[in-house]
């Protein structure tokens, strides 16, 4: 790979094409977030509905047992109903946790969209692209937009420590795997009743 001289400058056509690609990327991210939000909202409504009905099944099972506590068959059916409802409830909790991960994904994509918008704004103005203060303000804005631990760490690796992008991604993937493993160990240490 040859090193480019420091006086390398994009021509106006190249800058315009860069801005178009940035704007296309921003639009794609925003539309993806909107589509995902609509789908997740539908799923959340469905799970809320199901959760309400699971509670009603559990209550009905308890009521049946109270009405005819002398029958062994009713007690067995009540046990099955409560067991099934409990398993459904546990699966729904797992789904809710998955929705939380989606929420993090949406936040990250919104931050990327914000960063690309700022970059397109700087690159599209000749005076801004050459102004160091504009770049520093942009960098500061991007940093302020890092609301999650992983985003902040990735920013530090790339901007502060100048770690190459692919290497920074690998580092973050390993950190995230380690944190997941630690969270699973903590979860395993708790005894559920």
N, C-alpha and C. Protein backbone atom coordinates (compact mmCIF):
# COMPACT_ATOMS: atom_id res chain seq x y z
N UNK A 1 0.85 -1.18 0.00
CA UNK A 1 0.00 0.00 0.00
C UNK A 1 0.89 1.24 0.00
N UNK A 2 0.71 2.12 -0.94
CA UNK A 2 1.52 3.33 -1.02
C UNK A 2 0.94 4.40 -0.15
N UNK A 3 1.82 5.20 0.42
CA UNK A 3 1.38 6.28 1.29
C UNK A 3 1.08 7.50 0.43
N UNK A 4 -0.05 8.15 0.71
CA UNK A 4 -0.44 9.31 -0.06
C UNK A 4 0.19 10.56 0.57
N UNK A 5 0.47 11.54 -0.28
CA UNK A 5 1.03 12.79 0.25
C UNK A 5 -0.03 13.54 1.02
N UNK A 6 0.41 14.38 1.95
CA UNK A 6 -0.51 15.10 2.83
C UNK A 6 -1.31 16.15 2.08
N UNK A 7 -0.93 16.49 0.87
CA UNK A 7 -1.67 17.50 0.12
C UNK A 7 -2.73 16.87 -0.81
N UNK A 8 -2.97 15.57 -0.64
CA UNK A 8 -3.99 14.89 -1.44
C UNK A 8 -5.35 15.49 -1.12
N UNK A 9 -6.08 15.88 -2.15
CA UNK A 9 -7.39 16.50 -1.98
C UNK A 9 -8.37 15.85 -2.94
N UNK A 10 -9.55 15.53 -2.43
CA UNK A 10 -10.60 15.02 -3.30
C UNK A 10 -11.12 16.15 -4.17
N UNK A 11 -11.45 15.83 -5.40
CA UNK A 11 -12.07 16.82 -6.26
C UNK A 11 -13.54 16.97 -5.90
N UNK A 12 -14.19 17.99 -6.44
CA UNK A 12 -15.58 18.25 -6.09
C UNK A 12 -16.49 17.10 -6.48
N UNK A 13 -16.19 16.43 -7.59
CA UNK A 13 -17.01 15.29 -8.01
C UNK A 13 -16.89 14.15 -7.00
N UNK A 14 -15.67 13.88 -6.54
CA UNK A 14 -15.46 12.81 -5.56
C UNK A 14 -16.14 13.14 -4.23
N UNK A 15 -16.07 14.40 -3.83
CA UNK A 15 -16.72 14.82 -2.59
C UNK A 15 -18.23 14.65 -2.71
N UNK A 16 -18.78 15.04 -3.86
CA UNK A 16 -20.23 14.88 -4.07
C UNK A 16 -20.63 13.41 -4.02
N UNK A 17 -19.84 12.54 -4.64
CA UNK A 17 -20.14 11.12 -4.61
C UNK A 17 -20.03 10.57 -3.19
N UNK A 18 -19.04 11.01 -2.45
CA UNK A 18 -18.88 10.60 -1.05
C UNK A 18 -20.09 11.01 -0.23
N UNK A 19 -20.55 12.24 -0.43
CA UNK A 19 -21.72 12.74 0.31
C UNK A 19 -22.96 11.93 -0.05
N UNK A 20 -23.12 11.61 -1.33
CA UNK A 20 -24.27 10.79 -1.74
C UNK A 20 -24.25 9.42 -1.07
N UNK A 21 -23.07 8.80 -1.02
CA UNK A 21 -22.96 7.49 -0.38
C UNK A 21 -23.26 7.61 1.11
N UNK A 22 -22.74 8.66 1.75
CA UNK A 22 -23.03 8.87 3.18
C UNK A 22 -24.53 9.07 3.40
N UNK A 23 -25.16 9.88 2.57
CA UNK A 23 -26.60 10.12 2.71
C UNK A 23 -27.41 8.84 2.47
N UNK A 24 -26.99 8.04 1.50
CA UNK A 24 -27.65 6.76 1.26
C UNK A 24 -27.51 5.86 2.48
N UNK A 25 -26.32 5.80 3.06
CA UNK A 25 -26.09 4.98 4.25
C UNK A 25 -26.96 5.45 5.41
N UNK A 26 -27.05 6.75 5.60
CA UNK A 26 -27.88 7.32 6.67
C UNK A 26 -29.34 6.92 6.46
N UNK A 27 -29.82 7.07 5.23
CA UNK A 27 -31.21 6.74 4.93
C UNK A 27 -31.49 5.25 5.16
N UNK A 28 -30.55 4.38 4.75
CA UNK A 28 -30.73 2.95 4.94
C UNK A 28 -30.78 2.59 6.42
N UNK A 29 -29.92 3.19 7.20
CA UNK A 29 -29.92 2.93 8.65
C UNK A 29 -31.22 3.40 9.27
N UNK A 30 -31.65 4.62 8.94
CA UNK A 30 -32.88 5.15 9.52
C UNK A 30 -34.09 4.30 9.14
N UNK A 31 -34.17 3.87 7.88
CA UNK A 31 -35.29 3.02 7.46
C UNK A 31 -35.24 1.66 8.15
N UNK A 32 -34.05 1.11 8.32
CA UNK A 32 -33.92 -0.17 9.02
C UNK A 32 -34.38 -0.06 10.46
N UNK A 33 -34.02 1.03 11.11
CA UNK A 33 -34.44 1.25 12.49
C UNK A 33 -35.96 1.35 12.55
N UNK A 34 -36.56 2.09 11.63
CA UNK A 34 -38.01 2.25 11.61
C UNK A 34 -38.71 0.91 11.39
N UNK A 35 -38.24 0.13 10.41
CA UNK A 35 -38.84 -1.18 10.16
C UNK A 35 -38.70 -2.09 11.37
N UNK A 36 -37.51 -2.08 11.95
CA UNK A 36 -37.27 -2.92 13.14
C UNK A 36 -38.14 -2.50 14.30
N UNK A 37 -38.27 -1.19 14.51
CA UNK A 37 -39.11 -0.70 15.61
C UNK A 37 -40.55 -1.14 15.43
N UNK A 38 -41.07 -1.06 14.20
CA UNK A 38 -42.44 -1.48 13.94
C UNK A 38 -42.63 -2.96 14.25
N UNK A 39 -41.70 -3.78 13.81
CA UNK A 39 -41.78 -5.22 14.06
C UNK A 39 -41.69 -5.53 15.54
N UNK A 40 -40.75 -4.91 16.22
CA UNK A 40 -40.57 -5.17 17.64
C UNK A 40 -41.77 -4.68 18.43
N UNK A 41 -42.34 -3.55 18.06
CA UNK A 41 -43.54 -3.08 18.76
C UNK A 41 -44.68 -4.07 18.64
N UNK A 42 -44.84 -4.66 17.46
CA UNK A 42 -45.87 -5.69 17.27
C UNK A 42 -45.58 -6.90 18.16
N UNK A 43 -44.32 -7.32 18.20
CA UNK A 43 -43.95 -8.46 19.04
C UNK A 43 -44.17 -8.15 20.52
N UNK A 44 -43.82 -6.95 20.94
CA UNK A 44 -44.01 -6.57 22.34
C UNK A 44 -45.50 -6.61 22.70
N UNK A 45 -46.35 -6.09 21.81
CA UNK A 45 -47.80 -6.15 22.04
C UNK A 45 -48.26 -7.60 22.16
N UNK A 46 -47.75 -8.47 21.30
CA UNK A 46 -48.14 -9.89 21.33
C UNK A 46 -47.71 -10.54 22.65
N UNK A 47 -46.49 -10.26 23.07
CA UNK A 47 -46.01 -10.87 24.31
C UNK A 47 -46.73 -10.32 25.53
N UNK A 48 -47.09 -9.07 25.50
CA UNK A 48 -47.88 -8.50 26.59
C UNK A 48 -49.24 -9.19 26.66
N UNK A 49 -49.86 -9.38 25.51
CA UNK A 49 -51.14 -10.08 25.43
C UNK A 49 -51.01 -11.50 25.98
N UNK A 50 -49.97 -12.22 25.53
CA UNK A 50 -49.78 -13.59 25.98
C UNK A 50 -49.48 -13.66 27.47
N UNK A 51 -48.71 -12.73 27.97
CA UNK A 51 -48.38 -12.70 29.39
C UNK A 51 -49.64 -12.54 30.23
N UNK A 52 -50.52 -11.66 29.79
CA UNK A 52 -51.79 -11.45 30.50
C UNK A 52 -52.60 -12.75 30.54
N UNK A 53 -52.63 -13.46 29.41
CA UNK A 53 -53.40 -14.70 29.35
C UNK A 53 -52.75 -15.82 30.15
N UNK A 54 -51.45 -15.83 30.23
CA UNK A 54 -50.77 -16.83 31.07
C UNK A 54 -51.15 -16.61 32.53
N UNK A 55 -51.19 -15.37 32.95
CA UNK A 55 -51.62 -15.08 34.32
C UNK A 55 -53.04 -15.57 34.56
N UNK A 56 -53.90 -15.37 33.57
CA UNK A 56 -55.29 -15.84 33.72
C UNK A 56 -55.36 -17.37 33.77
N UNK A 57 -54.52 -18.05 33.01
CA UNK A 57 -54.47 -19.52 33.05
C UNK A 57 -54.03 -19.99 34.43
N UNK A 58 -53.01 -19.34 34.98
CA UNK A 58 -52.53 -19.71 36.30
C UNK A 58 -53.62 -19.48 37.35
N UNK A 59 -54.32 -18.37 37.27
CA UNK A 59 -55.40 -18.09 38.21
C UNK A 59 -56.53 -19.10 38.06
N UNK A 60 -56.88 -19.44 36.83
CA UNK A 60 -57.95 -20.42 36.59
C UNK A 60 -57.55 -21.79 37.15
N UNK A 61 -56.31 -22.16 36.97
CA UNK A 61 -55.82 -23.44 37.51
C UNK A 61 -55.92 -23.47 39.02
N UNK A 62 -55.55 -22.39 39.66
CA UNK A 62 -55.66 -22.31 41.12
C UNK A 62 -57.12 -22.34 41.56
N UNK A 63 -57.98 -21.64 40.83
CA UNK A 63 -59.42 -21.62 41.17
C UNK A 63 -60.03 -23.01 41.04
N UNK A 64 -59.67 -23.74 39.98
CA UNK A 64 -60.18 -25.10 39.80
C UNK A 64 -59.78 -26.00 40.97
N UNK A 65 -58.56 -25.87 41.38
CA UNK A 65 -58.08 -26.70 42.48
C UNK A 65 -58.81 -26.35 43.77
N UNK A 66 -59.09 -25.08 43.99
CA UNK A 66 -59.80 -24.66 45.20
C UNK A 66 -61.24 -25.17 45.19
N UNK A 67 -61.88 -25.19 44.01
CA UNK A 67 -63.27 -25.62 43.91
C UNK A 67 -63.44 -27.10 44.18
N UNK A 68 -62.47 -27.89 43.78
CA UNK A 68 -62.62 -29.34 43.97
C UNK A 68 -61.31 -29.93 44.48
N UNK A 69 -60.95 -29.51 45.67
CA UNK A 69 -59.67 -29.93 46.24
C UNK A 69 -59.65 -31.40 46.62
N UNK A 70 -60.82 -32.06 46.58
CA UNK A 70 -60.87 -33.47 46.97
C UNK A 70 -60.50 -34.41 45.82
N UNK A 71 -60.39 -33.91 44.62
CA UNK A 71 -60.13 -34.78 43.49
C UNK A 71 -58.65 -34.77 43.13
N UNK A 72 -58.07 -35.94 43.07
CA UNK A 72 -56.66 -36.08 42.71
C UNK A 72 -56.44 -35.71 41.25
N UNK A 73 -57.42 -36.01 40.38
CA UNK A 73 -57.30 -35.68 38.96
C UNK A 73 -57.21 -34.17 38.74
N UNK A 74 -58.03 -33.43 39.47
CA UNK A 74 -58.02 -31.97 39.34
C UNK A 74 -56.67 -31.42 39.78
N UNK A 75 -56.13 -31.95 40.86
CA UNK A 75 -54.83 -31.50 41.35
C UNK A 75 -53.73 -31.78 40.32
N UNK A 76 -53.82 -32.94 39.67
CA UNK A 76 -52.84 -33.29 38.65
C UNK A 76 -52.94 -32.34 37.45
N UNK A 77 -54.18 -32.06 37.00
CA UNK A 77 -54.39 -31.14 35.89
C UNK A 77 -53.94 -29.73 36.25
N UNK A 78 -54.21 -29.33 37.48
CA UNK A 78 -53.77 -28.01 37.93
C UNK A 78 -52.25 -27.92 37.88
N UNK A 79 -51.59 -28.98 38.31
CA UNK A 79 -50.13 -29.01 38.30
C UNK A 79 -49.59 -28.87 36.87
N UNK A 80 -50.22 -29.59 35.94
CA UNK A 80 -49.80 -29.52 34.54
C UNK A 80 -50.02 -28.10 33.99
N UNK A 81 -51.21 -27.53 34.27
CA UNK A 81 -51.50 -26.17 33.81
C UNK A 81 -50.47 -25.16 34.34
N UNK A 82 -50.21 -25.25 35.63
CA UNK A 82 -49.26 -24.31 36.24
C UNK A 82 -47.85 -24.51 35.71
N UNK A 83 -47.47 -25.75 35.48
CA UNK A 83 -46.15 -26.05 34.94
C UNK A 83 -45.99 -25.49 33.53
N UNK A 84 -47.00 -25.74 32.68
CA UNK A 84 -46.96 -25.23 31.31
C UNK A 84 -46.95 -23.70 31.28
N UNK A 85 -47.79 -23.10 32.11
CA UNK A 85 -47.83 -21.64 32.16
C UNK A 85 -46.50 -21.08 32.64
N UNK A 86 -45.87 -21.76 33.58
CA UNK A 86 -44.55 -21.33 34.07
C UNK A 86 -43.49 -21.40 32.99
N UNK A 87 -43.52 -22.47 32.19
CA UNK A 87 -42.56 -22.61 31.11
C UNK A 87 -42.78 -21.54 30.04
N UNK A 88 -44.04 -21.27 29.72
CA UNK A 88 -44.34 -20.20 28.76
C UNK A 88 -43.84 -18.86 29.28
N UNK A 89 -44.06 -18.62 30.54
CA UNK A 89 -43.63 -17.36 31.15
C UNK A 89 -42.11 -17.22 31.07
N UNK A 90 -41.39 -18.31 31.35
CA UNK A 90 -39.92 -18.28 31.27
C UNK A 90 -39.45 -17.97 29.85
N UNK A 91 -40.09 -18.59 28.84
CA UNK A 91 -39.72 -18.33 27.44
C UNK A 91 -40.00 -16.88 27.07
N UNK A 92 -41.09 -16.35 27.58
CA UNK A 92 -41.41 -14.95 27.28
C UNK A 92 -40.37 -14.02 27.90
N UNK A 93 -39.87 -14.35 29.07
CA UNK A 93 -38.82 -13.55 29.69
C UNK A 93 -37.56 -13.55 28.81
N UNK A 94 -37.24 -14.72 28.23
CA UNK A 94 -36.09 -14.79 27.32
C UNK A 94 -36.32 -13.90 26.11
N UNK A 95 -37.54 -13.88 25.59
CA UNK A 95 -37.85 -13.03 24.44
C UNK A 95 -37.72 -11.56 24.80
N UNK A 96 -38.16 -11.20 25.98
CA UNK A 96 -38.06 -9.81 26.42
C UNK A 96 -36.59 -9.39 26.50
N UNK A 97 -35.74 -10.28 26.98
CA UNK A 97 -34.30 -9.99 27.02
C UNK A 97 -33.76 -9.79 25.61
N UNK A 98 -34.23 -10.60 24.66
CA UNK A 98 -33.81 -10.44 23.26
C UNK A 98 -34.26 -9.09 22.72
N UNK A 99 -35.45 -8.62 23.11
CA UNK A 99 -35.91 -7.30 22.70
C UNK A 99 -34.99 -6.22 23.24
N UNK A 100 -34.47 -6.42 24.44
CA UNK A 100 -33.55 -5.43 25.02
C UNK A 100 -32.27 -5.35 24.19
N UNK A 101 -31.80 -6.49 23.67
CA UNK A 101 -30.64 -6.47 22.80
C UNK A 101 -30.95 -5.72 21.51
N UNK A 102 -32.17 -5.92 20.99
CA UNK A 102 -32.57 -5.18 19.80
C UNK A 102 -32.55 -3.67 20.08
N UNK A 103 -33.00 -3.29 21.26
CA UNK A 103 -33.01 -1.88 21.63
C UNK A 103 -31.59 -1.31 21.61
N UNK A 104 -30.63 -2.08 22.11
CA UNK A 104 -29.23 -1.64 22.05
C UNK A 104 -28.77 -1.49 20.60
N UNK A 105 -29.17 -2.44 19.76
CA UNK A 105 -28.82 -2.37 18.34
C UNK A 105 -29.39 -1.11 17.71
N UNK A 106 -30.65 -0.81 18.00
CA UNK A 106 -31.28 0.40 17.45
C UNK A 106 -30.54 1.65 17.90
N UNK A 107 -30.16 1.68 19.17
CA UNK A 107 -29.42 2.83 19.68
C UNK A 107 -28.09 2.99 18.96
N UNK A 108 -27.38 1.88 18.77
CA UNK A 108 -26.09 1.94 18.08
C UNK A 108 -26.27 2.44 16.65
N UNK A 109 -27.27 1.92 15.96
CA UNK A 109 -27.50 2.36 14.58
C UNK A 109 -27.88 3.83 14.52
N UNK A 110 -28.65 4.29 15.49
CA UNK A 110 -29.00 5.71 15.55
C UNK A 110 -27.74 6.56 15.76
N UNK A 111 -26.82 6.08 16.59
CA UNK A 111 -25.57 6.80 16.81
C UNK A 111 -24.72 6.82 15.55
N UNK A 112 -24.69 5.70 14.82
CA UNK A 112 -23.95 5.64 13.56
C UNK A 112 -24.56 6.63 12.56
N UNK A 113 -25.87 6.64 12.48
CA UNK A 113 -26.56 7.57 11.58
C UNK A 113 -26.21 9.01 11.93
N UNK A 114 -26.21 9.32 13.22
CA UNK A 114 -25.85 10.68 13.66
C UNK A 114 -24.42 11.01 13.24
N UNK A 115 -23.50 10.06 13.43
CA UNK A 115 -22.11 10.29 13.05
C UNK A 115 -21.95 10.50 11.56
N UNK A 116 -22.63 9.69 10.77
CA UNK A 116 -22.55 9.84 9.31
C UNK A 116 -23.14 11.16 8.85
N UNK A 117 -24.23 11.57 9.51
CA UNK A 117 -24.84 12.86 9.17
C UNK A 117 -23.85 14.00 9.41
N UNK A 118 -23.18 13.95 10.57
CA UNK A 118 -22.18 14.98 10.89
C UNK A 118 -21.02 14.96 9.92
N UNK A 119 -20.58 13.76 9.55
CA UNK A 119 -19.48 13.64 8.60
C UNK A 119 -19.88 14.20 7.24
N UNK A 120 -21.08 13.88 6.78
CA UNK A 120 -21.56 14.41 5.50
C UNK A 120 -21.63 15.93 5.54
N UNK A 121 -22.04 16.48 6.68
CA UNK A 121 -22.13 17.94 6.83
C UNK A 121 -20.75 18.59 6.71
N UNK A 122 -19.76 18.01 7.34
CA UNK A 122 -18.41 18.58 7.26
C UNK A 122 -17.84 18.45 5.85
N UNK A 123 -17.94 17.26 5.29
CA UNK A 123 -17.34 16.99 3.98
C UNK A 123 -18.01 17.81 2.88
N UNK A 124 -19.26 18.17 3.07
CA UNK A 124 -19.98 18.89 2.02
C UNK A 124 -19.65 20.39 1.96
N UNK A 125 -18.91 20.90 2.93
CA UNK A 125 -18.55 22.33 2.93
C UNK A 125 -17.03 22.48 2.92
N UNK A 126 -16.53 23.15 1.91
CA UNK A 126 -15.09 23.29 1.75
C UNK A 126 -14.44 23.96 2.96
N UNK A 127 -15.12 24.96 3.54
CA UNK A 127 -14.55 25.67 4.69
C UNK A 127 -14.51 24.77 5.93
N UNK A 128 -15.51 23.92 6.10
CA UNK A 128 -15.55 23.03 7.27
C UNK A 128 -14.54 21.91 7.18
N UNK A 129 -14.39 21.35 5.97
CA UNK A 129 -13.52 20.20 5.79
C UNK A 129 -12.06 20.55 6.11
N UNK A 130 -11.69 21.80 5.95
CA UNK A 130 -10.31 22.23 6.20
C UNK A 130 -10.12 22.83 7.59
N UNK A 131 -11.21 22.92 8.38
CA UNK A 131 -11.16 23.56 9.68
C UNK A 131 -10.99 22.51 10.78
N UNK A 132 -9.84 22.54 11.44
CA UNK A 132 -9.53 21.58 12.50
C UNK A 132 -10.54 21.64 13.65
N UNK A 133 -11.02 22.85 13.96
CA UNK A 133 -12.00 23.01 15.04
C UNK A 133 -13.31 22.30 14.70
N UNK A 134 -13.71 22.33 13.43
CA UNK A 134 -14.93 21.63 12.99
C UNK A 134 -14.77 20.12 13.22
N UNK A 135 -13.58 19.59 12.87
CA UNK A 135 -13.33 18.17 13.05
C UNK A 135 -13.32 17.79 14.53
N UNK A 136 -12.71 18.63 15.35
CA UNK A 136 -12.67 18.36 16.79
C UNK A 136 -14.08 18.43 17.40
N UNK A 137 -14.88 19.39 16.96
CA UNK A 137 -16.26 19.51 17.45
C UNK A 137 -17.06 18.28 17.02
N UNK A 138 -16.84 17.84 15.79
CA UNK A 138 -17.53 16.65 15.30
C UNK A 138 -17.12 15.43 16.12
N UNK A 139 -15.83 15.27 16.34
CA UNK A 139 -15.32 14.14 17.12
C UNK A 139 -15.91 14.18 18.53
N UNK A 140 -15.97 15.34 19.11
CA UNK A 140 -16.55 15.50 20.44
C UNK A 140 -18.03 15.13 20.45
N UNK A 141 -18.74 15.53 19.41
CA UNK A 141 -20.17 15.20 19.28
C UNK A 141 -20.37 13.70 19.18
N UNK A 142 -19.52 13.03 18.40
CA UNK A 142 -19.62 11.58 18.26
C UNK A 142 -19.34 10.92 19.60
N UNK A 143 -18.33 11.40 20.31
CA UNK A 143 -17.98 10.82 21.62
C UNK A 143 -19.13 10.99 22.61
N UNK A 144 -19.77 12.16 22.60
CA UNK A 144 -20.90 12.39 23.51
C UNK A 144 -22.07 11.46 23.18
N UNK A 145 -22.15 11.04 21.94
CA UNK A 145 -23.23 10.15 21.52
C UNK A 145 -23.00 8.70 21.90
N UNK A 146 -21.84 8.39 22.46
CA UNK A 146 -21.55 7.01 22.87
C UNK A 146 -22.14 6.79 24.26
N UNK A 147 -23.34 6.25 24.30
CA UNK A 147 -24.04 6.07 25.57
C UNK A 147 -23.84 4.69 26.17
N UNK A 148 -23.29 3.77 25.40
CA UNK A 148 -23.07 2.41 25.90
C UNK A 148 -21.59 2.16 26.09
N UNK A 149 -21.29 1.32 27.05
CA UNK A 149 -19.90 0.99 27.41
C UNK A 149 -19.09 0.55 26.19
N UNK A 150 -19.67 -0.35 25.40
CA UNK A 150 -18.95 -0.88 24.24
C UNK A 150 -18.64 0.21 23.21
N UNK A 151 -19.58 1.13 23.03
CA UNK A 151 -19.35 2.23 22.08
C UNK A 151 -18.20 3.11 22.55
N UNK A 152 -18.18 3.43 23.83
CA UNK A 152 -17.12 4.27 24.38
C UNK A 152 -15.76 3.58 24.23
N UNK A 153 -15.72 2.30 24.54
CA UNK A 153 -14.47 1.55 24.42
C UNK A 153 -13.99 1.48 22.98
N UNK A 154 -14.91 1.27 22.05
CA UNK A 154 -14.56 1.22 20.63
C UNK A 154 -14.03 2.58 20.17
N UNK A 155 -14.69 3.65 20.60
CA UNK A 155 -14.23 5.00 20.27
C UNK A 155 -12.80 5.20 20.77
N UNK A 156 -12.54 4.81 22.03
CA UNK A 156 -11.20 4.97 22.60
C UNK A 156 -10.16 4.18 21.81
N UNK A 157 -10.49 2.95 21.45
CA UNK A 157 -9.55 2.12 20.70
C UNK A 157 -9.20 2.77 19.36
N UNK A 158 -10.21 3.24 18.65
CA UNK A 158 -9.97 3.76 17.30
C UNK A 158 -9.44 5.18 17.31
N UNK A 159 -10.09 6.08 18.05
CA UNK A 159 -9.69 7.49 18.01
C UNK A 159 -8.51 7.80 18.93
N UNK A 160 -8.55 7.29 20.16
CA UNK A 160 -7.51 7.65 21.12
C UNK A 160 -6.25 6.79 20.99
N UNK A 161 -6.44 5.48 20.81
CA UNK A 161 -5.29 4.57 20.75
C UNK A 161 -4.86 4.26 19.32
N UNK A 162 -5.63 4.69 18.33
CA UNK A 162 -5.33 4.50 16.91
C UNK A 162 -5.13 3.03 16.54
N UNK A 163 -5.94 2.16 17.17
CA UNK A 163 -5.92 0.73 16.84
C UNK A 163 -6.63 0.57 15.49
N UNK A 164 -6.06 -0.20 14.56
CA UNK A 164 -6.74 -0.42 13.27
C UNK A 164 -8.15 -0.98 13.49
N UNK A 165 -9.05 -0.63 12.61
CA UNK A 165 -10.47 -0.96 12.77
C UNK A 165 -10.71 -2.44 12.98
N UNK A 166 -10.18 -3.29 12.12
CA UNK A 166 -10.41 -4.74 12.25
C UNK A 166 -9.91 -5.26 13.59
N UNK A 167 -8.77 -4.78 14.03
CA UNK A 167 -8.22 -5.20 15.32
C UNK A 167 -9.11 -4.71 16.46
N UNK A 168 -9.60 -3.48 16.36
CA UNK A 168 -10.49 -2.93 17.39
C UNK A 168 -11.77 -3.75 17.48
N UNK A 169 -12.29 -4.16 16.33
CA UNK A 169 -13.50 -5.00 16.31
C UNK A 169 -13.23 -6.32 17.01
N UNK A 170 -12.09 -6.94 16.70
CA UNK A 170 -11.74 -8.22 17.34
C UNK A 170 -11.60 -8.06 18.85
N UNK A 171 -10.97 -6.99 19.28
CA UNK A 171 -10.81 -6.73 20.71
C UNK A 171 -12.17 -6.59 21.38
N UNK A 172 -13.06 -5.83 20.75
CA UNK A 172 -14.38 -5.61 21.34
C UNK A 172 -15.21 -6.90 21.34
N UNK A 173 -15.11 -7.70 20.30
CA UNK A 173 -15.84 -8.97 20.28
C UNK A 173 -15.38 -9.86 21.44
N UNK A 174 -14.09 -9.90 21.67
CA UNK A 174 -13.56 -10.71 22.77
C UNK A 174 -14.02 -10.17 24.12
N UNK A 175 -13.99 -8.86 24.30
CA UNK A 175 -14.47 -8.27 25.56
C UNK A 175 -15.95 -8.58 25.78
N UNK A 176 -16.73 -8.48 24.73
CA UNK A 176 -18.17 -8.74 24.84
C UNK A 176 -18.44 -10.22 25.16
N UNK A 177 -17.68 -11.13 24.53
CA UNK A 177 -17.81 -12.55 24.85
C UNK A 177 -17.48 -12.81 26.31
N UNK A 178 -16.41 -12.18 26.77
CA UNK A 178 -15.98 -12.34 28.16
C UNK A 178 -17.06 -11.83 29.12
N UNK A 179 -17.64 -10.70 28.81
CA UNK A 179 -18.69 -10.13 29.67
C UNK A 179 -19.93 -11.01 29.69
N UNK A 180 -20.28 -11.57 28.53
CA UNK A 180 -21.43 -12.49 28.47
C UNK A 180 -21.17 -13.71 29.34
N UNK A 181 -19.96 -14.24 29.24
CA UNK A 181 -19.58 -15.41 30.02
C UNK A 181 -19.65 -15.09 31.52
N UNK A 182 -19.16 -13.92 31.90
CA UNK A 182 -19.21 -13.51 33.31
C UNK A 182 -20.65 -13.35 33.78
N UNK A 183 -21.51 -12.78 32.94
CA UNK A 183 -22.92 -12.60 33.30
C UNK A 183 -23.60 -13.96 33.46
N UNK A 184 -23.26 -14.92 32.59
CA UNK A 184 -23.85 -16.25 32.70
C UNK A 184 -23.41 -16.92 33.99
N UNK A 185 -22.15 -16.73 34.39
CA UNK A 185 -21.66 -17.31 35.64
C UNK A 185 -22.39 -16.71 36.84
N UNK A 186 -22.60 -15.41 36.82
CA UNK A 186 -23.32 -14.76 37.91
C UNK A 186 -24.75 -15.29 37.98
N UNK A 187 -25.39 -15.44 36.81
CA UNK A 187 -26.76 -15.96 36.74
C UNK A 187 -26.83 -17.37 37.28
N UNK A 188 -25.80 -18.19 36.96
CA UNK A 188 -25.78 -19.58 37.45
C UNK A 188 -25.59 -19.66 38.96
N UNK A 189 -24.98 -18.63 39.54
CA UNK A 189 -24.74 -18.60 40.99
C UNK A 189 -26.02 -18.33 41.77
N UNK A 190 -27.04 -17.76 41.13
CA UNK A 190 -28.31 -17.47 41.81
C UNK A 190 -29.19 -18.72 41.76
N UNK A 191 -29.85 -18.96 42.86
CA UNK A 191 -30.78 -20.08 42.91
C UNK A 191 -32.19 -19.53 42.82
N UNK A 192 -32.95 -20.02 41.85
CA UNK A 192 -34.32 -19.56 41.66
C UNK A 192 -35.29 -20.50 42.37
N UNK A 193 -36.32 -19.93 42.94
CA UNK A 193 -37.31 -20.72 43.68
C UNK A 193 -38.54 -20.96 42.86
